[in-house]
Amino acid sequence: MTTDAGEIIEISGYLGTTTNNVAEYSGLLEALSVARNEGATEVEIVADSELMVKQMLGQYRVRHPNLVPLFERARSIARQFRKFSIRHTLRAGNKDADRLANLAVDRADGRAMERHSADAQR
């Protein structure tokens, strides 16, 4: 997540054994919650889950019972922002998400959040 001030907030967390779709919604919920807590009024989400993006845009229905409560919570939080947008990117365009997911799996010990300047090297 990048703030208006150019600060990058990276969040990763271990979810245990779950589906990719649950993991995608969990990441979306975490990003929306942090954005809300940071005082954001506008949020642009870029995700590599085409299913989740199309569900959030209302183009696909959410059918799986495990996803319905996650979807409903995400929509509820998204409505709290003055402006909310979400778009799909190919997995190759979302390397930071893969890096954070691998970090969470390697640690397997809960949630981590790091802040750094967009100019800082990783």
PDB file of N, CA and C in Angstrom:
ATOM      1  N   MET A   1       0.850  -1.149   0.000  1.00  0.00           N
ATOM      2  CA  MET A   1       0.000   0.000   0.000  1.00  0.00           C
ATOM      3  C   MET A   1       0.905   1.224   0.000  1.00  0.00           C
ATOM      4  N   THR A   2       0.560   2.198  -0.825  1.00  0.00           N
ATOM      5  CA  THR A   2       1.321   3.440  -0.879  1.00  0.00           C
ATOM      6  C   THR A   2       0.425   4.586  -0.434  1.00  0.00           C
ATOM      7  N   THR A   3       0.905   5.369   0.524  1.00  0.00           N
ATOM      8  CA  THR A   3       0.142   6.510   1.025  1.00  0.00           C
ATOM      9  C   THR A   3       0.345   7.714   0.100  1.00  0.00           C
ATOM     10  N   ASP A   4      -0.474   8.747   0.297  1.00  0.00           N
ATOM     11  CA  ASP A   4      -0.311   9.971  -0.488  1.00  0.00           C
ATOM     12  C   ASP A   4       1.052  10.599  -0.264  1.00  0.00           C
ATOM     13  N   ALA A   5       1.622  10.381   0.916  1.00  0.00           N
ATOM     14  CA  ALA A   5       2.933  10.935   1.246  1.00  0.00           C
ATOM     15  C   ALA A   5       4.077  10.115   0.649  1.00  0.00           C
ATOM     16  N   GLY A   6       3.749   9.033  -0.049  1.00  0.00           N
ATOM     17  CA  GLY A   6       4.767   8.207  -0.674  1.00  0.00           C
ATOM     18  C   GLY A   6       5.317   7.113   0.219  1.00  0.00           C
ATOM     19  N   GLU A   7       4.753   6.969   1.412  1.00  0.00           N
ATOM     20  CA  GLU A   7       5.196   5.907   2.309  1.00  0.00           C
ATOM     21  C   GLU A   7       4.561   4.592   1.868  1.00  0.00           C
ATOM     22  N   ILE A   8       5.360   3.543   1.862  1.00  0.00           N
ATOM     23  CA  ILE A   8       4.874   2.213   1.498  1.00  0.00           C
ATOM     24  C   ILE A   8       4.632   1.432   2.780  1.00  0.00           C
ATOM     25  N   ILE A   9       3.439   0.869   2.889  1.00  0.00           N
ATOM     26  CA  ILE A   9       3.090   0.017   4.022  1.00  0.00           C
ATOM     27  C   ILE A   9       2.914  -1.392   3.469  1.00  0.00           C
ATOM     28  N   GLU A  10       3.746  -2.301   3.950  1.00  0.00           N
ATOM     29  CA  GLU A  10       3.671  -3.694   3.511  1.00  0.00           C
ATOM     30  C   GLU A  10       3.147  -4.544   4.655  1.00  0.00           C
ATOM     31  N   ILE A  11       2.135  -5.341   4.365  1.00  0.00           N
ATOM     32  CA  ILE A  11       1.517  -6.184   5.370  1.00  0.00           C
ATOM     33  C   ILE A  11       1.560  -7.613   4.867  1.00  0.00           C
ATOM     34  N   SER A  12       1.955  -8.517   5.734  1.00  0.00           N
ATOM     35  CA  SER A  12       1.903  -9.936   5.392  1.00  0.00           C
ATOM     36  C   SER A  12       1.451 -10.699   6.621  1.00  0.00           C
ATOM     37  N   GLY A  13       0.788 -11.797   6.389  1.00  0.00           N
ATOM     38  CA  GLY A  13       0.318 -12.600   7.506  1.00  0.00           C
ATOM     39  C   GLY A  13       0.125 -14.036   7.100  1.00  0.00           C
ATOM     40  N   TYR A  14       0.375 -14.906   8.036  1.00  0.00           N
ATOM     41  CA  TYR A  14       0.228 -16.337   7.798  1.00  0.00           C
ATOM     42  C   TYR A  14      -1.205 -16.744   8.058  1.00  0.00           C
ATOM     43  N   LEU A  15      -1.828 -17.420   7.097  1.00  0.00           N
ATOM     44  CA  LEU A  15      -3.226 -17.827   7.215  1.00  0.00           C
ATOM     45  C   LEU A  15      -3.399 -19.314   7.474  1.00  0.00           C
ATOM     46  N   GLY A  16      -2.305 -20.059   7.433  1.00  0.00           N
ATOM     47  CA  GLY A  16      -2.429 -21.509   7.559  1.00  0.00           C
ATOM     48  C   GLY A  16      -2.874 -22.099   6.229  1.00  0.00           C
ATOM     49  N   THR A  17      -3.480 -23.261   6.271  1.00  0.00           N
ATOM     50  CA  THR A  17      -3.945 -23.919   5.063  1.00  0.00           C
ATOM     51  C   THR A  17      -5.307 -23.350   4.681  1.00  0.00           C
ATOM     52  N   THR A  18      -5.369 -22.776   3.504  1.00  0.00           N
ATOM     53  CA  THR A  18      -6.624 -22.198   3.026  1.00  0.00           C
ATOM     54  C   THR A  18      -6.584 -22.130   1.505  1.00  0.00           C
ATOM     55  N   THR A  19      -7.638 -21.660   0.900  1.00  0.00           N
ATOM     56  CA  THR A  19      -7.679 -21.553  -0.562  1.00  0.00           C
ATOM     57  C   THR A  19      -7.082 -20.228  -1.012  1.00  0.00           C
ATOM     58  N   ASN A  20      -6.717 -20.176  -2.277  1.00  0.00           N
ATOM     59  CA  ASN A  20      -6.213 -18.919  -2.851  1.00  0.00           C
ATOM     60  C   ASN A  20      -7.257 -17.820  -2.746  1.00  0.00           C
ATOM     61  N   ASN A  21      -8.523 -18.162  -2.968  1.00  0.00           N
ATOM     62  CA  ASN A  21      -9.570 -17.141  -2.939  1.00  0.00           C
ATOM     63  C   ASN A  21      -9.769 -16.571  -1.541  1.00  0.00           C
ATOM     64  N   VAL A  22      -9.716 -17.415  -0.522  1.00  0.00           N
ATOM     65  CA  VAL A  22      -9.805 -16.923   0.855  1.00  0.00           C
ATOM     66  C   VAL A  22      -8.598 -16.038   1.157  1.00  0.00           C
ATOM     67  N   ALA A  23      -7.424 -16.442   0.694  1.00  0.00           N
ATOM     68  CA  ALA A  23      -6.212 -15.644   0.911  1.00  0.00           C
ATOM     69  C   ALA A  23      -6.328 -14.283   0.216  1.00  0.00           C
ATOM     70  N   GLU A  24      -6.860 -14.255  -1.000  1.00  0.00           N
ATOM     71  CA  GLU A  24      -7.032 -12.985  -1.719  1.00  0.00           C
ATOM     72  C   GLU A  24      -7.976 -12.054  -0.966  1.00  0.00           C
ATOM     73  N   TYR A  25      -9.109 -12.585  -0.509  1.00  0.00           N
ATOM     74  CA  TYR A  25     -10.055 -11.752   0.239  1.00  0.00           C
ATOM     75  C   TYR A  25      -9.469 -11.319   1.580  1.00  0.00           C
ATOM     76  N   SER A  26      -8.697 -12.180   2.223  1.00  0.00           N
ATOM     77  CA  SER A  26      -8.063 -11.812   3.493  1.00  0.00           C
ATOM     78  C   SER A  26      -7.097 -10.655   3.281  1.00  0.00           C
ATOM     79  N   GLY A  27      -6.333 -10.700   2.188  1.00  0.00           N
ATOM     80  CA  GLY A  27      -5.421  -9.605   1.865  1.00  0.00           C
ATOM     81  C   GLY A  27      -6.163  -8.315   1.565  1.00  0.00           C
ATOM     82  N   LEU A  28      -7.266  -8.421   0.835  1.00  0.00           N
ATOM     83  CA  LEU A  28      -8.079  -7.246   0.531  1.00  0.00           C
ATOM     84  C   LEU A  28      -8.635  -6.639   1.817  1.00  0.00           C
ATOM     85  N   LEU A  29      -9.161  -7.475   2.695  1.00  0.00           N
ATOM     86  CA  LEU A  29      -9.719  -6.981   3.953  1.00  0.00           C
ATOM     87  C   LEU A  29      -8.663  -6.297   4.803  1.00  0.00           C
ATOM     88  N   GLU A  30      -7.482  -6.870   4.845  1.00  0.00           N
ATOM     89  CA  GLU A  30      -6.392  -6.273   5.625  1.00  0.00           C
ATOM     90  C   GLU A  30      -6.002  -4.919   5.036  1.00  0.00           C
ATOM     91  N   ALA A  31      -5.876  -4.850   3.709  1.00  0.00           N
ATOM     92  CA  ALA A  31      -5.508  -3.587   3.056  1.00  0.00           C
ATOM     93  C   ALA A  31      -6.569  -2.517   3.297  1.00  0.00           C
ATOM     94  N   LEU A  32      -7.831  -2.882   3.183  1.00  0.00           N
ATOM     95  CA  LEU A  32      -8.907  -1.916   3.405  1.00  0.00           C
ATOM     96  C   LEU A  32      -8.935  -1.445   4.857  1.00  0.00           C
ATOM     97  N   SER A  33      -8.715  -2.368   5.783  1.00  0.00           N
ATOM     98  CA  SER A  33      -8.718  -2.006   7.204  1.00  0.00           C
ATOM     99  C   SER A  33      -7.568  -1.061   7.539  1.00  0.00           C
ATOM    100  N   VAL A  34      -6.393  -1.351   7.018  1.00  0.00           N
ATOM    101  CA  VAL A  34      -5.245  -0.487   7.277  1.00  0.00           C
ATOM    102  C   VAL A  34      -5.474   0.883   6.636  1.00  0.00           C
ATOM    103  N   ALA A  35      -5.987   0.905   5.414  1.00  0.00           N
ATOM    104  CA  ALA A  35      -6.259   2.178   4.742  1.00  0.00           C
ATOM    105  C   ALA A  35      -7.255   3.012   5.553  1.00  0.00           C
ATOM    106  N   ARG A  36      -8.291   2.365   6.055  1.00  0.00           N
ATOM    107  CA  ARG A  36      -9.285   3.072   6.869  1.00  0.00           C
ATOM    108  C   ARG A  36      -8.649   3.605   8.145  1.00  0.00           C
ATOM    109  N   ASN A  37      -7.835   2.776   8.811  1.00  0.00           N
ATOM    110  CA  ASN A  37      -7.171   3.197  10.046  1.00  0.00           C
ATOM    111  C   ASN A  37      -6.153   4.310   9.808  1.00  0.00           C
ATOM    112  N   GLU A  38      -5.601   4.379   8.608  1.00  0.00           N
ATOM    113  CA  GLU A  38      -4.639   5.425   8.250  1.00  0.00           C
ATOM    114  C   GLU A  38      -5.338   6.716   7.856  1.00  0.00           C
ATOM    115  N   GLY A  39      -6.663   6.680   7.773  1.00  0.00           N
ATOM    116  CA  GLY A  39      -7.425   7.877   7.437  1.00  0.00           C
ATOM    117  C   GLY A  39      -7.629   8.108   5.953  1.00  0.00           C
ATOM    118  N   ALA A  40      -7.394   7.087   5.144  1.00  0.00           N
ATOM    119  CA  ALA A  40      -7.577   7.236   3.696  1.00  0.00           C
ATOM    120  C   ALA A  40      -9.047   7.496   3.374  1.00  0.00           C
ATOM    121  N   THR A  41      -9.273   8.318   2.370  1.00  0.00           N
ATOM    122  CA  THR A  41     -10.636   8.556   1.886  1.00  0.00           C
ATOM    123  C   THR A  41     -10.824   7.975   0.490  1.00  0.00           C
ATOM    124  N   GLU A  42      -9.718   7.717  -0.203  1.00  0.00           N
ATOM    125  CA  GLU A  42      -9.752   7.117  -1.534  1.00  0.00           C
ATOM    126  C   GLU A  42      -8.814   5.925  -1.552  1.00  0.00           C
ATOM    127  N   VAL A  43      -9.274   4.834  -2.163  1.00  0.00           N
ATOM    128  CA  VAL A  43      -8.471   3.614  -2.219  1.00  0.00           C
ATOM    129  C   VAL A  43      -8.544   3.040  -3.625  1.00  0.00           C
ATOM    130  N   GLU A  44      -7.374   2.690  -4.150  1.00  0.00           N
ATOM    131  CA  GLU A  44      -7.296   1.965  -5.417  1.00  0.00           C
ATOM    132  C   GLU A  44      -6.606   0.638  -5.134  1.00  0.00           C
ATOM    133  N   ILE A  45      -7.307  -0.445  -5.393  1.00  0.00           N
ATOM    134  CA  ILE A  45      -6.779  -1.791  -5.175  1.00  0.00           C
ATOM    135  C   ILE A  45      -6.370  -2.370  -6.526  1.00  0.00           C
ATOM    136  N   VAL A  46      -5.177  -2.950  -6.574  1.00  0.00           N
ATOM    137  CA  VAL A  46      -4.704  -3.662  -7.754  1.00  0.00           C
ATOM    138  C   VAL A  46      -4.458  -5.094  -7.296  1.00  0.00           C
ATOM    139  N   ALA A  47      -5.177  -6.034  -7.888  1.00  0.00           N
ATOM    140  CA  ALA A  47      -5.111  -7.424  -7.438  1.00  0.00           C
ATOM    141  C   ALA A  47      -4.918  -8.368  -8.617  1.00  0.00           C
ATOM    142  N   ASP A  48      -4.253  -9.484  -8.370  1.00  0.00           N
ATOM    143  CA  ASP A  48      -4.057 -10.462  -9.439  1.00  0.00           C
ATOM    144  C   ASP A  48      -5.112 -11.562  -9.425  1.00  0.00           C
ATOM    145  N   SER A  49      -6.136 -11.409  -8.597  1.00  0.00           N
ATOM    146  CA  SER A  49      -7.243 -12.360  -8.586  1.00  0.00           C
ATOM    147  C   SER A  49      -8.391 -11.802  -9.419  1.00  0.00           C
ATOM    148  N   GLU A  50      -8.497 -12.282 -10.638  1.00  0.00           N
ATOM    149  CA  GLU A  50      -9.567 -11.811 -11.513  1.00  0.00           C
ATOM    150  C   GLU A  50     -10.937 -12.127 -10.918  1.00  0.00           C
ATOM    151  N   LEU A  51     -11.060 -13.289 -10.292  1.00  0.00           N
ATOM    152  CA  LEU A  51     -12.329 -13.667  -9.676  1.00  0.00           C
ATOM    153  C   LEU A  51     -12.738 -12.650  -8.616  1.00  0.00           C
ATOM    154  N   MET A  52     -11.839 -12.336  -7.695  1.00  0.00           N
ATOM    155  CA  MET A  52     -12.161 -11.402  -6.630  1.00  0.00           C
ATOM    156  C   MET A  52     -12.502 -10.022  -7.193  1.00  0.00           C
ATOM    157  N   VAL A  53     -11.722  -9.552  -8.159  1.00  0.00           N
ATOM    158  CA  VAL A  53     -11.976  -8.243  -8.748  1.00  0.00           C
ATOM    159  C   VAL A  53     -13.365  -8.206  -9.377  1.00  0.00           C
ATOM    160  N   LYS A  54     -13.697  -9.219 -10.157  1.00  0.00           N
ATOM    161  CA  LYS A  54     -15.004  -9.238 -10.826  1.00  0.00           C
ATOM    162  C   LYS A  54     -16.144  -9.386  -9.814  1.00  0.00           C
ATOM    163  N   GLN A  55     -15.905 -10.103  -8.727  1.00  0.00           N
ATOM    164  CA  GLN A  55     -16.917 -10.195  -7.686  1.00  0.00           C
ATOM    165  C   GLN A  55     -17.107  -8.838  -7.010  1.00  0.00           C
ATOM    166  N   MET A  56     -16.020  -8.168  -6.688  1.00  0.00           N
ATOM    167  CA  MET A  56     -16.117  -6.864  -6.035  1.00  0.00           C
ATOM    168  C   MET A  56     -16.769  -5.823  -6.951  1.00  0.00           C
ATOM    169  N   LEU A  57     -16.607  -5.966  -8.257  1.00  0.00           N
ATOM    170  CA  LEU A  57     -17.219  -5.050  -9.219  1.00  0.00           C
ATOM    171  C   LEU A  57     -18.670  -5.424  -9.533  1.00  0.00           C
ATOM    172  N   GLY A  58     -19.131  -6.540  -8.987  1.00  0.00           N
ATOM    173  CA  GLY A  58     -20.499  -6.970  -9.238  1.00  0.00           C
ATOM    174  C   GLY A  58     -20.694  -7.687 -10.560  1.00  0.00           C
ATOM    175  N   GLN A  59     -19.608  -8.058 -11.223  1.00  0.00           N
ATOM    176  CA  GLN A  59     -19.701  -8.750 -12.504  1.00  0.00           C
ATOM    177  C   GLN A  59     -19.895 -10.255 -12.327  1.00  0.00           C
ATOM    178  N   TYR A  60     -19.426 -10.782 -11.210  1.00  0.00           N
ATOM    179  CA  TYR A  60     -19.620 -12.199 -10.867  1.00  0.00           C
ATOM    180  C   TYR A  60     -20.312 -12.271  -9.524  1.00  0.00           C
ATOM    181  N   ARG A  61     -21.156 -13.278  -9.354  1.00  0.00           N
ATOM    182  CA  ARG A  61     -21.765 -13.527  -8.050  1.00  0.00           C
ATOM    183  C   ARG A  61     -20.793 -14.323  -7.187  1.00  0.00           C
ATOM    184  N   VAL A  62     -20.898 -14.149  -5.891  1.00  0.00           N
ATOM    185  CA  VAL A  62     -20.088 -14.933  -4.950  1.00  0.00           C
ATOM    186  C   VAL A  62     -20.920 -16.144  -4.578  1.00  0.00           C
ATOM    187  N   ARG A  63     -20.457 -17.315  -4.950  1.00  0.00           N
ATOM    188  CA  ARG A  63     -21.232 -18.536  -4.734  1.00  0.00           C
ATOM    189  C   ARG A  63     -20.708 -19.388  -3.587  1.00  0.00           C
ATOM    190  N   HIS A  64     -19.403 -19.374  -3.389  1.00  0.00           N
ATOM    191  CA  HIS A  64     -18.836 -20.280  -2.384  1.00  0.00           C
ATOM    192  C   HIS A  64     -19.157 -19.773  -0.983  1.00  0.00           C
ATOM    193  N   PRO A  65     -19.718 -20.637  -0.118  1.00  0.00           N
ATOM    194  CA  PRO A  65     -20.116 -20.199   1.226  1.00  0.00           C
ATOM    195  C   PRO A  65     -18.977 -19.641   2.071  1.00  0.00           C
ATOM    196  N   ASN A  66     -17.752 -20.081   1.851  1.00  0.00           N
ATOM    197  CA  ASN A  66     -16.612 -19.552   2.619  1.00  0.00           C
ATOM    198  C   ASN A  66     -16.258 -18.124   2.205  1.00  0.00           C
ATOM    199  N   LEU A  67     -16.617 -17.748   0.972  1.00  0.00           N
ATOM    200  CA  LEU A  67     -16.262 -16.417   0.475  1.00  0.00           C
ATOM    201  C   LEU A  67     -17.340 -15.368   0.754  1.00  0.00           C
ATOM    202  N   VAL A  68     -18.586 -15.801   0.912  1.00  0.00           N
ATOM    203  CA  VAL A  68     -19.685 -14.841   1.079  1.00  0.00           C
ATOM    204  C   VAL A  68     -19.442 -13.873   2.236  1.00  0.00           C
ATOM    205  N   PRO A  69     -19.102 -14.338   3.454  1.00  0.00           N
ATOM    206  CA  PRO A  69     -18.893 -13.365   4.533  1.00  0.00           C
ATOM    207  C   PRO A  69     -17.682 -12.460   4.300  1.00  0.00           C
ATOM    208  N   LEU A  70     -16.645 -12.970   3.662  1.00  0.00           N
ATOM    209  CA  LEU A  70     -15.464 -12.153   3.358  1.00  0.00           C
ATOM    210  C   LEU A  70     -15.828 -11.080   2.335  1.00  0.00           C
ATOM    211  N   PHE A  71     -16.561 -11.467   1.312  1.00  0.00           N
ATOM    212  CA  PHE A  71     -17.020 -10.528   0.289  1.00  0.00           C
ATOM    213  C   PHE A  71     -17.893  -9.443   0.909  1.00  0.00           C
ATOM    214  N   GLU A  72     -18.851  -9.848   1.726  1.00  0.00           N
ATOM    215  CA  GLU A  72     -19.767  -8.880   2.337  1.00  0.00           C
ATOM    216  C   GLU A  72     -19.023  -7.895   3.232  1.00  0.00           C
ATOM    217  N   ARG A  73     -18.038  -8.390   3.979  1.00  0.00           N
ATOM    218  CA  ARG A  73     -17.240  -7.504   4.834  1.00  0.00           C
ATOM    219  C   ARG A  73     -16.413  -6.536   3.982  1.00  0.00           C
ATOM    220  N   ALA A  74     -15.811  -7.050   2.904  1.00  0.00           N
ATOM    221  CA  ALA A  74     -15.005  -6.197   2.016  1.00  0.00           C
ATOM    222  C   ALA A  74     -15.874  -5.120   1.376  1.00  0.00           C
ATOM    223  N   ARG A  75     -17.051  -5.474   0.910  1.00  0.00           N
ATOM    224  CA  ARG A  75     -17.956  -4.477   0.301  1.00  0.00           C
ATOM    225  C   ARG A  75     -18.375  -3.428   1.329  1.00  0.00           C
ATOM    226  N   SER A  76     -18.627  -3.875   2.548  1.00  0.00           N
ATOM    227  CA  SER A  76     -19.035  -2.955   3.602  1.00  0.00           C
ATOM    228  C   SER A  76     -17.928  -1.940   3.908  1.00  0.00           C
ATOM    229  N   ILE A  77     -16.696  -2.413   4.020  1.00  0.00           N
ATOM    230  CA  ILE A  77     -15.577  -1.512   4.296  1.00  0.00           C
ATOM    231  C   ILE A  77     -15.330  -0.603   3.091  1.00  0.00           C
ATOM    232  N   ALA A  78     -15.396  -1.152   1.882  1.00  0.00           N
ATOM    233  CA  ALA A  78     -15.148  -0.369   0.666  1.00  0.00           C
ATOM    234  C   ALA A  78     -16.132   0.799   0.564  1.00  0.00           C
ATOM    235  N   ARG A  79     -17.370   0.608   1.002  1.00  0.00           N
ATOM    236  CA  ARG A  79     -18.379   1.671   0.943  1.00  0.00           C
ATOM    237  C   ARG A  79     -18.054   2.834   1.876  1.00  0.00           C
ATOM    238  N   GLN A  80     -17.157   2.628   2.829  1.00  0.00           N
ATOM    239  CA  GLN A  80     -16.807   3.677   3.783  1.00  0.00           C
ATOM    240  C   GLN A  80     -15.848   4.715   3.190  1.00  0.00           C
ATOM    241  N   PHE A  81     -15.274   4.407   2.035  1.00  0.00           N
ATOM    242  CA  PHE A  81     -14.353   5.334   1.391  1.00  0.00           C
ATOM    243  C   PHE A  81     -15.118   6.234   0.422  1.00  0.00           C
ATOM    244  N   ARG A  82     -14.682   7.464   0.310  1.00  0.00           N
ATOM    245  CA  ARG A  82     -15.294   8.397  -0.637  1.00  0.00           C
ATOM    246  C   ARG A  82     -15.168   7.846  -2.053  1.00  0.00           C
ATOM    247  N   LYS A  83     -13.995   7.253  -2.336  1.00  0.00           N
ATOM    248  CA  LYS A  83     -13.763   6.656  -3.650  1.00  0.00           C
ATOM    249  C   LYS A  83     -13.075   5.313  -3.455  1.00  0.00           C
ATOM    250  N   PHE A  84     -13.624   4.290  -4.071  1.00  0.00           N
ATOM    251  CA  PHE A  84     -13.038   2.953  -4.039  1.00  0.00           C
ATOM    252  C   PHE A  84     -12.972   2.446  -5.466  1.00  0.00           C
ATOM    253  N   SER A  85     -11.798   1.967  -5.863  1.00  0.00           N
ATOM    254  CA  SER A  85     -11.678   1.325  -7.172  1.00  0.00           C
ATOM    255  C   SER A  85     -10.830   0.074  -7.016  1.00  0.00           C
ATOM    256  N   ILE A  86     -11.092  -0.873  -7.887  1.00  0.00           N
ATOM    257  CA  ILE A  86     -10.340  -2.119  -7.876  1.00  0.00           C
ATOM    258  C   ILE A  86     -10.146  -2.545  -9.321  1.00  0.00           C
ATOM    259  N   ARG A  87      -8.945  -3.015  -9.621  1.00  0.00           N
ATOM    260  CA  ARG A  87      -8.660  -3.472 -10.982  1.00  0.00           C
ATOM    261  C   ARG A  87      -7.746  -4.685 -10.936  1.00  0.00           C
ATOM    262  N   HIS A  88      -7.798  -5.430 -12.020  1.00  0.00           N
ATOM    263  CA  HIS A  88      -7.016  -6.660 -12.137  1.00  0.00           C
ATOM    264  C   HIS A  88      -5.675  -6.378 -12.801  1.00  0.00           C
ATOM    265  N   THR A  89      -4.652  -7.076 -12.343  1.00  0.00           N
ATOM    266  CA  THR A  89      -3.351  -7.081 -12.998  1.00  0.00           C
ATOM    267  C   THR A  89      -2.923  -8.531 -13.142  1.00  0.00           C
ATOM    268  N   LEU A  90      -2.097  -8.799 -14.089  1.00  0.00           N
ATOM    269  CA  LEU A  90      -1.567 -10.156 -14.228  1.00  0.00           C
ATOM    270  C   LEU A  90      -0.623 -10.437 -13.072  1.00  0.00           C
ATOM    271  N   ARG A  91      -0.469 -11.681 -12.734  1.00  0.00           N
ATOM    272  CA  ARG A  91       0.394 -12.077 -11.614  1.00  0.00           C
ATOM    273  C   ARG A  91       1.800 -11.506 -11.769  1.00  0.00           C
ATOM    274  N   ALA A  92       2.295 -11.445 -12.990  1.00  0.00           N
ATOM    275  CA  ALA A  92       3.643 -10.902 -13.218  1.00  0.00           C
ATOM    276  C   ALA A  92       3.725  -9.432 -12.818  1.00  0.00           C
ATOM    277  N   GLY A  93       2.603  -8.730 -12.827  1.00  0.00           N
ATOM    278  CA  GLY A  93       2.585  -7.328 -12.445  1.00  0.00           C
ATOM    279  C   GLY A  93       2.376  -7.116 -10.966  1.00  0.00           C
ATOM    280  N   ASN A  94       2.388  -8.189 -10.206  1.00  0.00           N
ATOM    281  CA  ASN A  94       2.101  -8.101  -8.778  1.00  0.00           C
ATOM    282  C   ASN A  94       3.158  -8.853  -7.971  1.00  0.00           C
ATOM    283  N   LYS A  95       4.413  -8.648  -8.324  1.00  0.00           N
ATOM    284  CA  LYS A  95       5.512  -9.379  -7.691  1.00  0.00           C
ATOM    285  C   LYS A  95       5.649  -9.077  -6.203  1.00  0.00           C
ATOM    286  N   ASP A  96       5.320  -7.853  -5.782  1.00  0.00           N
ATOM    287  CA  ASP A  96       5.400  -7.531  -4.358  1.00  0.00           C
ATOM    288  C   ASP A  96       4.439  -8.388  -3.550  1.00  0.00           C
ATOM    289  N   ALA A  97       3.251  -8.640  -4.082  1.00  0.00           N
ATOM    290  CA  ALA A  97       2.283  -9.484  -3.370  1.00  0.00           C
ATOM    291  C   ALA A  97       2.832 -10.900  -3.214  1.00  0.00           C
ATOM    292  N   ASP A  98       3.425 -11.435  -4.260  1.00  0.00           N
ATOM    293  CA  ASP A  98       4.015 -12.772  -4.171  1.00  0.00           C
ATOM    294  C   ASP A  98       5.154 -12.804  -3.160  1.00  0.00           C
ATOM    295  N   ARG A  99       5.979 -11.757  -3.161  1.00  0.00           N
ATOM    296  CA  ARG A  99       7.093 -11.690  -2.213  1.00  0.00           C
ATOM    297  C   ARG A  99       6.576 -11.684  -0.775  1.00  0.00           C
ATOM    298  N   LEU A 100       5.534 -10.898  -0.520  1.00  0.00           N
ATOM    299  CA  LEU A 100       4.972 -10.831   0.839  1.00  0.00           C
ATOM    300  C   LEU A 100       4.298 -12.139   1.228  1.00  0.00           C
ATOM    301  N   ALA A 101       3.629 -12.788   0.275  1.00  0.00           N
ATOM    302  CA  ALA A 101       3.002 -14.081   0.565  1.00  0.00           C
ATOM    303  C   ALA A 101       4.057 -15.116   0.933  1.00  0.00           C
ATOM    304  N   ASN A 102       5.147 -15.140   0.179  1.00  0.00           N
ATOM    305  CA  ASN A 102       6.229 -16.087   0.487  1.00  0.00           C
ATOM    306  C   ASN A 102       6.863 -15.781   1.838  1.00  0.00           C
ATOM    307  N   LEU A 103       7.024 -14.514   2.148  1.00  0.00           N
ATOM    308  CA  LEU A 103       7.569 -14.115   3.440  1.00  0.00           C
ATOM    309  C   LEU A 103       6.680 -14.615   4.585  1.00  0.00           C
ATOM    310  N   ALA A 104       5.368 -14.460   4.426  1.00  0.00           N
ATOM    311  CA  ALA A 104       4.433 -14.900   5.463  1.00  0.00           C
ATOM    312  C   ALA A 104       4.482 -16.410   5.646  1.00  0.00           C
ATOM    313  N   VAL A 105       4.570 -17.140   4.553  1.00  0.00           N
ATOM    314  CA  VAL A 105       4.637 -18.601   4.644  1.00  0.00           C
ATOM    315  C   VAL A 105       5.941 -19.035   5.298  1.00  0.00           C
ATOM    316  N   ASP A 106       7.044 -18.382   4.932  1.00  0.00           N
ATOM    317  CA  ASP A 106       8.340 -18.722   5.517  1.00  0.00           C
ATOM    318  C   ASP A 106       8.351 -18.460   7.023  1.00  0.00           C
ATOM    319  N   ARG A 107       7.733 -17.357   7.450  1.00  0.00           N
ATOM    320  CA  ARG A 107       7.703 -17.008   8.876  1.00  0.00           C
ATOM    321  C   ARG A 107       6.696 -17.858   9.633  1.00  0.00           C
ATOM    322  N   ALA A 108       5.529 -18.039   9.035  1.00  0.00           N
ATOM    323  CA  ALA A 108       4.441 -18.835   9.616  1.00  0.00           C
ATOM    324  C   ALA A 108       4.159 -18.479  11.072  1.00  0.00           C
ATOM    325  N   ASP A 109       4.186 -17.164  11.384  1.00  0.00           N
ATOM    326  CA  ASP A 109       4.013 -16.793  12.790  1.00  0.00           C
ATOM    327  C   ASP A 109       3.139 -15.551  12.976  1.00  0.00           C
ATOM    328  N   GLY A 110       2.106 -15.429  12.203  1.00  0.00           N
ATOM    329  CA  GLY A 110       1.207 -14.306  12.418  1.00  0.00           C
ATOM    330  C   GLY A 110       1.368 -13.211  11.391  1.00  0.00           C
ATOM    331  N   ARG A 111       1.166 -11.983  11.816  1.00  0.00           N
ATOM    332  CA  ARG A 111       1.085 -10.831  10.936  1.00  0.00           C
ATOM    333  C   ARG A 111       2.279  -9.909  11.150  1.00  0.00           C
ATOM    334  N   ALA A 112       2.728  -9.284  10.063  1.00  0.00           N
ATOM    335  CA  ALA A 112       3.799  -8.290  10.152  1.00  0.00           C
ATOM    336  C   ALA A 112       3.427  -7.096   9.286  1.00  0.00           C
ATOM    337  N   MET A 113       3.794  -5.919   9.743  1.00  0.00           N
ATOM    338  CA  MET A 113       3.574  -4.710   8.966  1.00  0.00           C
ATOM    339  C   MET A 113       4.855  -3.881   9.014  1.00  0.00           C
ATOM    340  N   GLU A 114       5.324  -3.475   7.841  1.00  0.00           N
ATOM    341  CA  GLU A 114       6.532  -2.658   7.749  1.00  0.00           C
ATOM    342  C   GLU A 114       6.213  -1.399   6.963  1.00  0.00           C
ATOM    343  N   ARG A 115       6.866  -0.296   7.345  1.00  0.00           N
ATOM    344  CA  ARG A 115       6.718   0.976   6.643  1.00  0.00           C
ATOM    345  C   ARG A 115       8.088   1.414   6.150  1.00  0.00           C
ATOM    346  N   HIS A 116       8.105   1.961   4.941  1.00  0.00           N
ATOM    347  CA  HIS A 116       9.337   2.546   4.432  1.00  0.00           C
ATOM    348  C   HIS A 116       9.007   3.534   3.330  1.00  0.00           C
ATOM    349  N   SER A 117       9.940   4.384   3.036  1.00  0.00           N
ATOM    350  CA  SER A 117       9.784   5.384   1.995  1.00  0.00           C
ATOM    351  C   SER A 117       9.763   4.693   0.640  1.00  0.00           C
ATOM    352  N   ALA A 118       9.009   5.242  -0.288  1.00  0.00           N
ATOM    353  CA  ALA A 118       8.984   4.682  -1.636  1.00  0.00           C
ATOM    354  C   ALA A 118      10.356   4.765  -2.282  1.00  0.00           C
ATOM    355  N   ASP A 119      11.199   5.680  -1.790  1.00  0.00           N
ATOM    356  CA  ASP A 119      12.544   5.840  -2.341  1.00  0.00           C
ATOM    357  C   ASP A 119      13.535   4.833  -1.762  1.00  0.00           C
ATOM    358  N   ALA A 120      13.171   4.183  -0.644  1.00  0.00           N
ATOM    359  CA  ALA A 120      14.088   3.245   0.004  1.00  0.00           C
ATOM    360  C   ALA A 120      14.240   1.994  -0.839  1.00  0.00           C
ATOM    361  N   GLN A 121      15.432   1.476  -0.849  1.00  0.00           N
ATOM    362  CA  GLN A 121      15.674   0.241  -1.591  1.00  0.00           C
ATOM    363  C   GLN A 121      15.267  -0.946  -0.748  1.00  0.00           C
ATOM    364  N   ARG A 122      14.783  -1.975  -1.438  1.00  0.00           N
ATOM    365  CA  ARG A 122      14.390  -3.204  -0.739  1.00  0.00           C
ATOM    366  C   ARG A 122      15.407  -4.265  -0.938  1.00  0.00           C
TER     367      ARG A 122
END
